[in-house]
Amino acid sequence: MEFLAGQLRPIYPYLGELYSAAWTTLVLSLGAIVAALVLGTIVAFGRVSAHRLVRIAATFYVEFLRNIPLLVLLYFIYFLLPALGLRFSPFVSALIGMALHESAYMTEILRAGLSAVPVGQYEAAQSQGMTRFQLQRHIVLPQVFRTIYVPLGTQFTMVIIASSLASAISVDEVSGWMQTAGADTFRFFDVFLIAAFVYVVLCQLVNLLHTVVGRLLFRAKG
């Protein structure tokens, strides 16, 4: 233990910044998840729309964003958009980029959930005089949410891992802390291990929350 403490002593002054970096990573990831869910839901309905042009536009949105590396998207938002008069802070740029990129994957998960609802349920609801909103609110979305709940947990974890790329545009998250502390102390191996541990903890916290919420929501049905 004394040897370990001696090895990590040069890093101690940077631990306070690590707490702030971990919080930034968590807030950035959760913000991107919420925004991606909203965008993904909208685009998913577009993907199954009865209107051909809407389906084409939604498909283009998904395929375009899924085939662009997140890092390239972050660079575009942070470095190129200011030339067009749109300037965002590093954090907001990362949030926008991550939300857009992740929404493409959320769309496909949600579309799969929508496709899993039997057509007969749509017809039965319409025969009962339900409006489109009532149909989606009471019949479709509850079933979709239950179907996609497990894969959503995996995507949430992937968002936290992907947030490490935000350091490329100067966001002070865990990966950014890792680079700064490593360059200042030359304890790269130790710093990398600490950063990896923090990412594991954050991912497991999200997994735990996902599990607990799932049990509370679905316990009535076992």
Protein backbone atom coordinates (compact mmCIF):
# COMPACT_ATOMS: atom_id res chain seq x y z
CA MET A 1 0.00 0.00 0.00
CA GLU A 2 2.84 2.38 0.84
CA PHE A 3 4.48 1.61 -2.48
CA LEU A 4 1.21 2.26 -4.31
CA ALA A 5 0.69 5.52 -2.43
CA GLY A 6 4.20 6.58 -3.36
CA GLN A 7 3.60 5.78 -7.01
CA LEU A 8 0.39 7.81 -7.10
CA ARG A 9 1.61 10.74 -4.98
CA PRO A 10 2.51 12.91 -8.04
CA ILE A 11 -1.09 12.51 -9.23
CA TYR A 12 -2.73 13.60 -5.96
CA PRO A 13 -2.86 17.33 -6.90
CA TYR A 14 -4.91 16.38 -9.99
CA LEU A 15 -7.54 14.28 -8.23
CA GLY A 16 -9.70 17.31 -7.47
CA GLU A 17 -9.84 18.03 -11.19
CA LEU A 18 -10.70 14.37 -11.81
CA TYR A 19 -13.93 14.71 -9.81
CA SER A 20 -14.95 17.67 -11.93
CA ALA A 21 -13.98 15.81 -15.12
CA ALA A 22 -16.01 12.75 -14.11
CA TRP A 23 -19.03 14.94 -13.41
CA THR A 24 -18.63 16.62 -16.81
CA THR A 25 -18.47 13.20 -18.49
CA LEU A 26 -21.62 12.06 -16.71
CA VAL A 27 -23.62 15.23 -17.45
CA LEU A 28 -22.47 15.27 -21.08
CA SER A 29 -23.39 11.60 -21.54
CA LEU A 30 -26.80 11.85 -19.89
CA GLY A 31 -27.62 15.01 -21.85
CA ALA A 32 -26.66 13.32 -25.10
CA ILE A 33 -28.73 10.25 -24.21
CA VAL A 34 -31.87 12.28 -23.50
CA ALA A 35 -31.48 14.39 -26.66
CA ALA A 36 -30.74 11.29 -28.76
CA LEU A 37 -33.84 9.55 -27.44
CA VAL A 38 -36.03 12.52 -28.40
CA LEU A 39 -34.48 12.84 -31.87
CA GLY A 40 -34.43 9.08 -32.36
CA THR A 41 -38.13 8.77 -31.52
CA ILE A 42 -39.06 11.47 -34.04
CA VAL A 43 -36.91 9.98 -36.80
CA ALA A 44 -38.08 6.43 -36.02
CA PHE A 45 -41.67 7.44 -36.67
CA GLY A 46 -40.42 8.99 -39.89
CA ARG A 47 -38.79 5.69 -40.84
CA VAL A 48 -42.15 3.88 -40.59
CA SER A 49 -44.23 6.73 -41.99
CA ALA A 50 -46.78 6.08 -44.70
CA HIS A 51 -45.35 9.02 -46.66
CA ARG A 52 -42.54 7.98 -48.98
CA LEU A 53 -40.67 11.30 -48.87
CA VAL A 54 -40.69 11.27 -45.07
CA ARG A 55 -39.28 7.73 -45.05
CA ILE A 56 -36.56 8.71 -47.53
CA ALA A 57 -35.58 11.78 -45.48
CA ALA A 58 -35.48 9.75 -42.25
CA THR A 59 -33.44 6.99 -43.90
CA PHE A 60 -30.95 9.53 -45.26
CA TYR A 61 -30.61 11.06 -41.78
CA VAL A 62 -29.81 7.68 -40.23
CA GLU A 63 -27.42 6.45 -42.90
CA PHE A 64 -25.59 9.77 -43.13
CA LEU A 65 -24.93 10.03 -39.39
CA ARG A 66 -24.13 6.35 -38.92
CA ASN A 67 -21.42 6.55 -41.58
CA ILE A 68 -19.64 9.58 -40.17
CA PRO A 69 -17.14 8.99 -37.34
CA LEU A 70 -18.14 10.87 -34.21
CA LEU A 71 -14.76 12.59 -34.09
CA VAL A 72 -15.27 14.03 -37.59
CA LEU A 73 -18.74 15.23 -36.60
CA LEU A 74 -17.34 16.94 -33.49
CA TYR A 75 -14.65 18.66 -35.57
CA PHE A 76 -17.26 19.83 -38.06
CA ILE A 77 -19.48 21.35 -35.37
CA TYR A 78 -16.70 22.94 -33.34
CA PHE A 79 -14.28 24.09 -36.04
CA LEU A 80 -16.30 24.53 -39.25
CA LEU A 81 -19.68 25.84 -38.11
CA PRO A 82 -18.14 29.05 -36.69
CA ALA A 83 -17.20 29.93 -40.28
CA LEU A 84 -20.94 29.89 -41.01
CA GLY A 85 -21.70 32.09 -38.02
CA LEU A 86 -22.68 29.28 -35.64
CA ARG A 87 -20.35 29.18 -32.68
CA PHE A 88 -20.81 26.89 -29.70
CA SER A 89 -18.77 26.23 -26.58
CA PRO A 90 -16.76 22.97 -26.50
CA PHE A 91 -19.29 21.35 -24.16
CA VAL A 92 -22.32 22.33 -26.25
CA SER A 93 -20.54 21.28 -29.45
CA ALA A 94 -19.80 17.87 -27.93
CA LEU A 95 -23.39 17.56 -26.70
CA ILE A 96 -24.82 18.36 -30.13
CA GLY A 97 -22.43 16.04 -31.93
CA MET A 98 -22.96 13.12 -29.58
CA ALA A 99 -26.74 13.57 -29.61
CA LEU A 100 -26.89 13.65 -33.42
CA HIS A 101 -24.57 10.68 -33.82
CA GLU A 102 -26.29 8.57 -31.17
CA SER A 103 -29.79 9.47 -32.41
CA ALA A 104 -29.12 7.52 -35.60
CA TYR A 105 -28.56 4.35 -33.57
CA MET A 106 -31.47 5.12 -31.27
CA THR A 107 -33.66 5.46 -34.36
CA GLU A 108 -32.90 1.94 -35.51
CA ILE A 109 -33.51 0.50 -32.05
CA LEU A 110 -36.84 2.31 -31.82
CA ARG A 111 -37.80 1.35 -35.37
CA ALA A 112 -37.22 -2.30 -34.50
CA GLY A 113 -39.47 -1.85 -31.49
CA LEU A 114 -42.19 -0.25 -33.61
CA SER A 115 -41.97 -3.06 -36.15
CA ALA A 116 -42.43 -5.62 -33.37
CA VAL A 117 -45.94 -4.36 -32.57
CA PRO A 118 -48.45 -6.56 -34.44
CA VAL A 119 -50.40 -4.80 -37.20
CA GLY A 120 -53.60 -6.20 -35.75
CA GLN A 121 -53.22 -4.00 -32.68
CA TYR A 122 -53.15 -0.89 -34.84
CA GLU A 123 -56.28 -2.02 -36.62
CA ALA A 124 -58.05 -2.92 -33.38
CA ALA A 125 -57.24 0.47 -31.84
CA GLN A 126 -58.47 2.29 -34.94
CA SER A 127 -61.67 0.28 -34.94
CA GLN A 128 -62.29 1.49 -31.38
CA GLY A 129 -62.11 5.08 -32.57
CA MET A 130 -58.72 5.92 -31.03
CA THR A 131 -56.89 8.93 -32.39
CA ARG A 132 -53.33 8.54 -33.68
CA PHE A 133 -51.99 10.12 -30.48
CA GLN A 134 -54.04 7.78 -28.27
CA LEU A 135 -52.90 4.81 -30.33
CA GLN A 136 -49.24 5.69 -29.88
CA ARG A 137 -49.60 6.72 -26.23
CA HIS A 138 -51.61 3.79 -24.92
CA ILE A 139 -50.94 0.91 -27.30
CA VAL A 140 -47.71 1.29 -29.24
CA LEU A 141 -45.16 3.14 -27.10
CA PRO A 142 -45.59 1.04 -23.91
CA GLN A 143 -44.87 -2.12 -25.92
CA VAL A 144 -41.99 -0.52 -27.80
CA PHE A 145 -40.40 0.71 -24.59
CA ARG A 146 -40.50 -2.75 -23.04
CA THR A 147 -39.03 -4.34 -26.17
CA ILE A 148 -36.12 -1.92 -26.54
CA TYR A 149 -35.33 -1.39 -22.87
CA VAL A 150 -32.44 -3.88 -22.73
CA PRO A 151 -30.61 -2.72 -25.90
CA LEU A 152 -31.04 0.87 -24.76
CA GLY A 153 -28.91 0.06 -21.73
CA THR A 154 -26.08 -1.02 -24.00
CA GLN A 155 -26.37 2.20 -26.00
CA PHE A 156 -26.24 4.27 -22.82
CA THR A 157 -22.92 2.64 -21.95
CA MET A 158 -21.60 3.28 -25.46
CA VAL A 159 -22.44 6.97 -25.11
CA ILE A 160 -20.31 7.25 -21.95
CA ILE A 161 -17.41 5.55 -23.70
CA ALA A 162 -17.83 7.75 -26.79
CA SER A 163 -17.72 10.88 -24.62
CA SER A 164 -13.95 10.36 -24.37
CA LEU A 165 -13.69 11.85 -27.88
CA ALA A 166 -14.96 15.18 -26.54
CA SER A 167 -11.45 15.90 -25.25
CA ALA A 168 -10.46 16.44 -28.91
CA ILE A 169 -12.40 19.72 -28.86
CA SER A 170 -11.15 20.81 -25.42
CA VAL A 171 -13.96 19.50 -23.22
CA ASP A 172 -12.60 18.96 -19.72
CA GLU A 173 -13.93 15.43 -19.21
CA VAL A 174 -12.13 12.31 -18.01
CA SER A 175 -10.15 11.73 -21.18
CA GLY A 176 -9.08 15.38 -21.20
CA TRP A 177 -8.00 15.06 -17.56
CA MET A 178 -6.04 11.93 -18.47
CA GLN A 179 -4.08 13.74 -21.15
CA THR A 180 -3.37 16.79 -18.98
CA ALA A 181 -2.37 14.88 -15.84
CA GLY A 182 -0.26 12.44 -17.84
CA ALA A 183 1.61 15.22 -19.67
CA ASP A 184 2.26 17.14 -16.43
CA THR A 185 3.38 14.20 -14.27
CA PHE A 186 4.78 11.81 -16.91
CA ARG A 187 2.90 9.06 -15.04
CA PHE A 188 1.00 8.05 -18.15
CA PHE A 189 0.46 4.42 -17.17
CA ASP A 190 -0.91 5.31 -13.73
CA VAL A 191 -3.10 8.08 -15.12
CA PHE A 192 -4.48 5.83 -17.84
CA LEU A 193 -5.38 3.17 -15.27
CA ILE A 194 -7.19 5.73 -13.11
CA ALA A 195 -9.11 7.06 -16.10
CA ALA A 196 -10.07 3.53 -17.15
CA PHE A 197 -11.30 2.83 -13.62
CA VAL A 198 -13.44 5.99 -13.66
CA TYR A 199 -15.03 5.00 -16.97
CA VAL A 200 -15.80 1.52 -15.60
CA VAL A 201 -17.41 3.05 -12.50
CA LEU A 202 -19.52 5.48 -14.55
CA CYS A 203 -20.67 2.74 -16.92
CA GLN A 204 -21.56 0.43 -14.05
CA LEU A 205 -23.49 3.21 -12.31
CA VAL A 206 -25.56 3.70 -15.45
CA ASN A 207 -26.04 -0.08 -15.79
CA LEU A 208 -27.16 -0.27 -12.16
CA LEU A 209 -29.62 2.57 -12.65
CA HIS A 210 -30.88 0.93 -15.83
CA THR A 211 -31.42 -2.37 -14.00
CA VAL A 212 -33.16 -0.82 -11.01
CA VAL A 213 -35.48 1.29 -13.16
CA GLY A 214 -36.28 -1.74 -15.32
CA ARG A 215 -37.26 -3.82 -12.30
CA LEU A 216 -39.45 -1.04 -10.95
CA LEU A 217 -41.18 -0.53 -14.28
CA PHE A 218 -41.68 -4.15 -15.26
CA ARG A 219 -41.97 -6.00 -11.94
CA ALA A 220 -45.77 -6.10 -12.26
CA LYS A 221 -45.37 -8.29 -15.32
CA GLY A 222 -42.47 -10.28 -13.93
